[in-house]
Amino acid sequence: MDYSEIMAENGRKGGIAKAKKYKPLIREVVRLFVTRPRMTQQEISQKVGVSQAFVSEHTKNPYTKLQRYERFIKDIVGDLTDEEIDKILLKAKLEEKFLAHQDDVKTVKDHKRSKI
């Protein structure tokens, strides 16, 4: 039995006893943070009834943030039509070719300068 368990048996509100009190609030904060990526920390804190610092503390884990970003991307991509996605892909290919051409031009210029 560790110190927190002993203190909880004596009726102290700390460690395990205190953690049980906040567990549902933490779950609700993380659930809203991941499932509603457009909500701000302030909006989440008002909805759950906790401080913005509480939300920040329990959502700073990189895995939690990654889940939120993935959900956000799915929300955005879900709203695009096939035509819009094709335009994005076309622009990406054109940008890639432009950058490759720009690198080729730079290489040629650097080569000419090095001979002088």
C-alpha atoms as a PDB file:
ATOM      1  CA  MET A   1       0.000   0.000   0.000  1.00  0.00           C
ATOM      2  CA  ASP A   2       1.523   3.323  -1.026  1.00  0.00           C
ATOM      3  CA  TYR A   3       1.211   6.692   0.666  1.00  0.00           C
ATOM      4  CA  SER A   4      -1.720   7.888  -1.477  1.00  0.00           C
ATOM      5  CA  GLU A   5      -3.766   4.794  -0.664  1.00  0.00           C
ATOM      6  CA  ILE A   6      -3.100   5.182   3.070  1.00  0.00           C
ATOM      7  CA  MET A   7      -4.116   8.834   2.968  1.00  0.00           C
ATOM      8  CA  ALA A   8      -7.267   7.970   0.995  1.00  0.00           C
ATOM      9  CA  GLU A   9      -8.226   5.396   3.661  1.00  0.00           C
ATOM     10  CA  ASN A  10      -7.866   8.102   6.300  1.00  0.00           C
ATOM     11  CA  GLY A  11     -10.343  10.262   4.390  1.00  0.00           C
ATOM     12  CA  ARG A  12      -7.871  12.683   2.885  1.00  0.00           C
ATOM     13  CA  LYS A  13      -8.739  14.132  -0.495  1.00  0.00           C
ATOM     14  CA  GLY A  14      -5.503  13.596  -2.364  1.00  0.00           C
ATOM     15  CA  GLY A  15      -3.832  11.140  -4.695  1.00  0.00           C
ATOM     16  CA  ILE A  16      -6.233   8.380  -5.703  1.00  0.00           C
ATOM     17  CA  ALA A  17      -9.356   9.907  -4.138  1.00  0.00           C
ATOM     18  CA  LYS A  18      -8.773  13.239  -5.857  1.00  0.00           C
ATOM     19  CA  ALA A  19      -7.925  11.566  -9.174  1.00  0.00           C
ATOM     20  CA  LYS A  20     -11.261   9.704  -9.177  1.00  0.00           C
ATOM     21  CA  LYS A  21     -13.067  13.030  -8.872  1.00  0.00           C
ATOM     22  CA  TYR A  22     -11.383  14.482 -11.977  1.00  0.00           C
ATOM     23  CA  LYS A  23     -11.382  11.357 -14.172  1.00  0.00           C
ATOM     24  CA  PRO A  24     -14.819  12.048 -15.762  1.00  0.00           C
ATOM     25  CA  LEU A  25     -13.893  15.682 -16.419  1.00  0.00           C
ATOM     26  CA  ILE A  26     -10.618  14.662 -18.066  1.00  0.00           C
ATOM     27  CA  ARG A  27     -12.425  12.125 -20.249  1.00  0.00           C
ATOM     28  CA  GLU A  28     -14.983  14.720 -21.364  1.00  0.00           C
ATOM     29  CA  VAL A  29     -12.264  17.284 -22.144  1.00  0.00           C
ATOM     30  CA  VAL A  30     -10.277  14.804 -24.245  1.00  0.00           C
ATOM     31  CA  ARG A  31     -13.420  13.540 -25.974  1.00  0.00           C
ATOM     32  CA  LEU A  32     -14.445  17.057 -27.009  1.00  0.00           C
ATOM     33  CA  PHE A  33     -10.882  17.996 -27.923  1.00  0.00           C
ATOM     34  CA  VAL A  34     -10.575  15.079 -30.355  1.00  0.00           C
ATOM     35  CA  THR A  35     -14.117  14.797 -31.714  1.00  0.00           C
ATOM     36  CA  ARG A  36     -14.700  18.527 -32.181  1.00  0.00           C
ATOM     37  CA  PRO A  37     -11.445  19.888 -33.607  1.00  0.00           C
ATOM     38  CA  ARG A  38     -12.966  23.270 -34.411  1.00  0.00           C
ATOM     39  CA  MET A  39     -13.707  23.979 -30.735  1.00  0.00           C
ATOM     40  CA  THR A  40     -11.165  26.128 -28.912  1.00  0.00           C
ATOM     41  CA  GLN A  41      -9.784  25.245 -25.502  1.00  0.00           C
ATOM     42  CA  GLN A  42     -11.804  28.105 -24.043  1.00  0.00           C
ATOM     43  CA  GLU A  43     -15.052  26.748 -25.531  1.00  0.00           C
ATOM     44  CA  ILE A  44     -14.268  23.257 -24.236  1.00  0.00           C
ATOM     45  CA  SER A  45     -13.514  24.610 -20.755  1.00  0.00           C
ATOM     46  CA  GLN A  46     -16.834  26.496 -20.649  1.00  0.00           C
ATOM     47  CA  LYS A  47     -18.802  23.471 -21.832  1.00  0.00           C
ATOM     48  CA  VAL A  48     -17.208  21.082 -19.308  1.00  0.00           C
ATOM     49  CA  GLY A  49     -17.054  23.612 -16.475  1.00  0.00           C
ATOM     50  CA  VAL A  50     -13.306  23.657 -15.900  1.00  0.00           C
ATOM     51  CA  SER A  51     -10.559  26.210 -16.487  1.00  0.00           C
ATOM     52  CA  GLN A  52      -8.803  26.678 -19.811  1.00  0.00           C
ATOM     53  CA  ALA A  53      -5.550  25.696 -18.040  1.00  0.00           C
ATOM     54  CA  PHE A  54      -7.168  22.362 -17.078  1.00  0.00           C
ATOM     55  CA  VAL A  55      -8.017  21.733 -20.738  1.00  0.00           C
ATOM     56  CA  SER A  56      -4.516  22.704 -21.821  1.00  0.00           C
ATOM     57  CA  GLU A  57      -2.898  20.428 -19.238  1.00  0.00           C
ATOM     58  CA  HIS A  58      -4.892  17.368 -20.289  1.00  0.00           C
ATOM     59  CA  THR A  59      -4.665  17.892 -24.058  1.00  0.00           C
ATOM     60  CA  LYS A  60      -0.968  18.640 -24.455  1.00  0.00           C
ATOM     61  CA  ASN A  61      -0.017  15.031 -25.149  1.00  0.00           C
ATOM     62  CA  PRO A  62       1.327  14.682 -28.731  1.00  0.00           C
ATOM     63  CA  TYR A  63      -0.834  11.591 -29.383  1.00  0.00           C
ATOM     64  CA  THR A  64      -3.990  13.475 -28.359  1.00  0.00           C
ATOM     65  CA  LYS A  65      -3.042  16.371 -30.623  1.00  0.00           C
ATOM     66  CA  LEU A  66      -2.349  13.991 -33.506  1.00  0.00           C
ATOM     67  CA  GLN A  67      -5.806  12.435 -33.113  1.00  0.00           C
ATOM     68  CA  ARG A  68      -7.356  15.916 -33.151  1.00  0.00           C
ATOM     69  CA  TYR A  69      -5.446  16.912 -36.319  1.00  0.00           C
ATOM     70  CA  GLU A  70      -6.414  13.684 -38.077  1.00  0.00           C
ATOM     71  CA  ARG A  71     -10.062  14.308 -37.247  1.00  0.00           C
ATOM     72  CA  PHE A  72      -9.752  17.904 -38.455  1.00  0.00           C
ATOM     73  CA  ILE A  73      -8.252  16.765 -41.764  1.00  0.00           C
ATOM     74  CA  LYS A  74     -11.031  14.201 -42.221  1.00  0.00           C
ATOM     75  CA  ASP A  75     -13.608  16.930 -41.618  1.00  0.00           C
ATOM     76  CA  ILE A  76     -12.030  19.181 -44.235  1.00  0.00           C
ATOM     77  CA  VAL A  77     -11.466  16.490 -46.859  1.00  0.00           C
ATOM     78  CA  GLY A  78     -14.964  15.131 -46.335  1.00  0.00           C
ATOM     79  CA  ASP A  79     -16.370  18.470 -47.491  1.00  0.00           C
ATOM     80  CA  LEU A  80     -14.448  18.504 -50.782  1.00  0.00           C
ATOM     81  CA  THR A  81     -15.948  17.286 -54.035  1.00  0.00           C
ATOM     82  CA  ASP A  82     -14.059  15.032 -56.433  1.00  0.00           C
ATOM     83  CA  GLU A  83     -13.573  17.980 -58.757  1.00  0.00           C
ATOM     84  CA  GLU A  84     -11.948  20.037 -55.987  1.00  0.00           C
ATOM     85  CA  ILE A  85      -9.653  17.173 -55.064  1.00  0.00           C
ATOM     86  CA  ASP A  86      -8.606  16.822 -58.728  1.00  0.00           C
ATOM     87  CA  LYS A  87      -7.780  20.549 -58.823  1.00  0.00           C
ATOM     88  CA  ILE A  88      -5.664  20.195 -55.690  1.00  0.00           C
ATOM     89  CA  LEU A  89      -3.795  17.239 -57.169  1.00  0.00           C
ATOM     90  CA  LEU A  90      -3.215  19.087 -60.440  1.00  0.00           C
ATOM     91  CA  LYS A  91      -1.890  22.154 -58.630  1.00  0.00           C
ATOM     92  CA  ALA A  92       0.371  19.944 -56.514  1.00  0.00           C
ATOM     93  CA  LYS A  93       1.834  18.305 -59.655  1.00  0.00           C
ATOM     94  CA  LEU A  94       2.357  21.687 -61.319  1.00  0.00           C
ATOM     95  CA  GLU A  95       4.037  23.053 -58.209  1.00  0.00           C
ATOM     96  CA  GLU A  96       6.280  19.992 -58.044  1.00  0.00           C
ATOM     97  CA  LYS A  97       7.315  20.429 -61.695  1.00  0.00           C
ATOM     98  CA  PHE A  98       7.888  24.159 -61.192  1.00  0.00           C
ATOM     99  CA  LEU A  99      10.141  23.542 -58.192  1.00  0.00           C
ATOM    100  CA  ALA A 100      12.069  20.847 -60.066  1.00  0.00           C
ATOM    101  CA  HIS A 101      12.572  23.223 -62.999  1.00  0.00           C
ATOM    102  CA  GLN A 102      13.660  25.984 -60.617  1.00  0.00           C
ATOM    103  CA  ASP A 103      16.258  23.636 -59.102  1.00  0.00           C
ATOM    104  CA  ASP A 104      17.527  22.794 -62.603  1.00  0.00           C
ATOM    105  CA  VAL A 105      17.896  26.493 -63.477  1.00  0.00           C
ATOM    106  CA  LYS A 106      19.745  27.145 -60.231  1.00  0.00           C
ATOM    107  CA  THR A 107      22.097  24.245 -60.897  1.00  0.00           C
ATOM    108  CA  VAL A 108      22.892  25.576 -64.379  1.00  0.00           C
ATOM    109  CA  LYS A 109      23.537  29.078 -63.029  1.00  0.00           C
ATOM    110  CA  ASP A 110      25.772  27.724 -60.265  1.00  0.00           C
ATOM    111  CA  HIS A 111      27.655  25.616 -62.801  1.00  0.00           C
ATOM    112  CA  LYS A 112      28.284  28.642 -65.063  1.00  0.00           C
ATOM    113  CA  ARG A 113      29.500  30.707 -62.094  1.00  0.00           C
ATOM    114  CA  SER A 114      31.900  28.046 -60.943  1.00  0.00           C
ATOM    115  CA  LYS A 115      33.718  28.023 -64.339  1.00  0.00           C
ATOM    116  CA  ILE A 116      34.377  31.782 -64.296  1.00  0.00           C
END
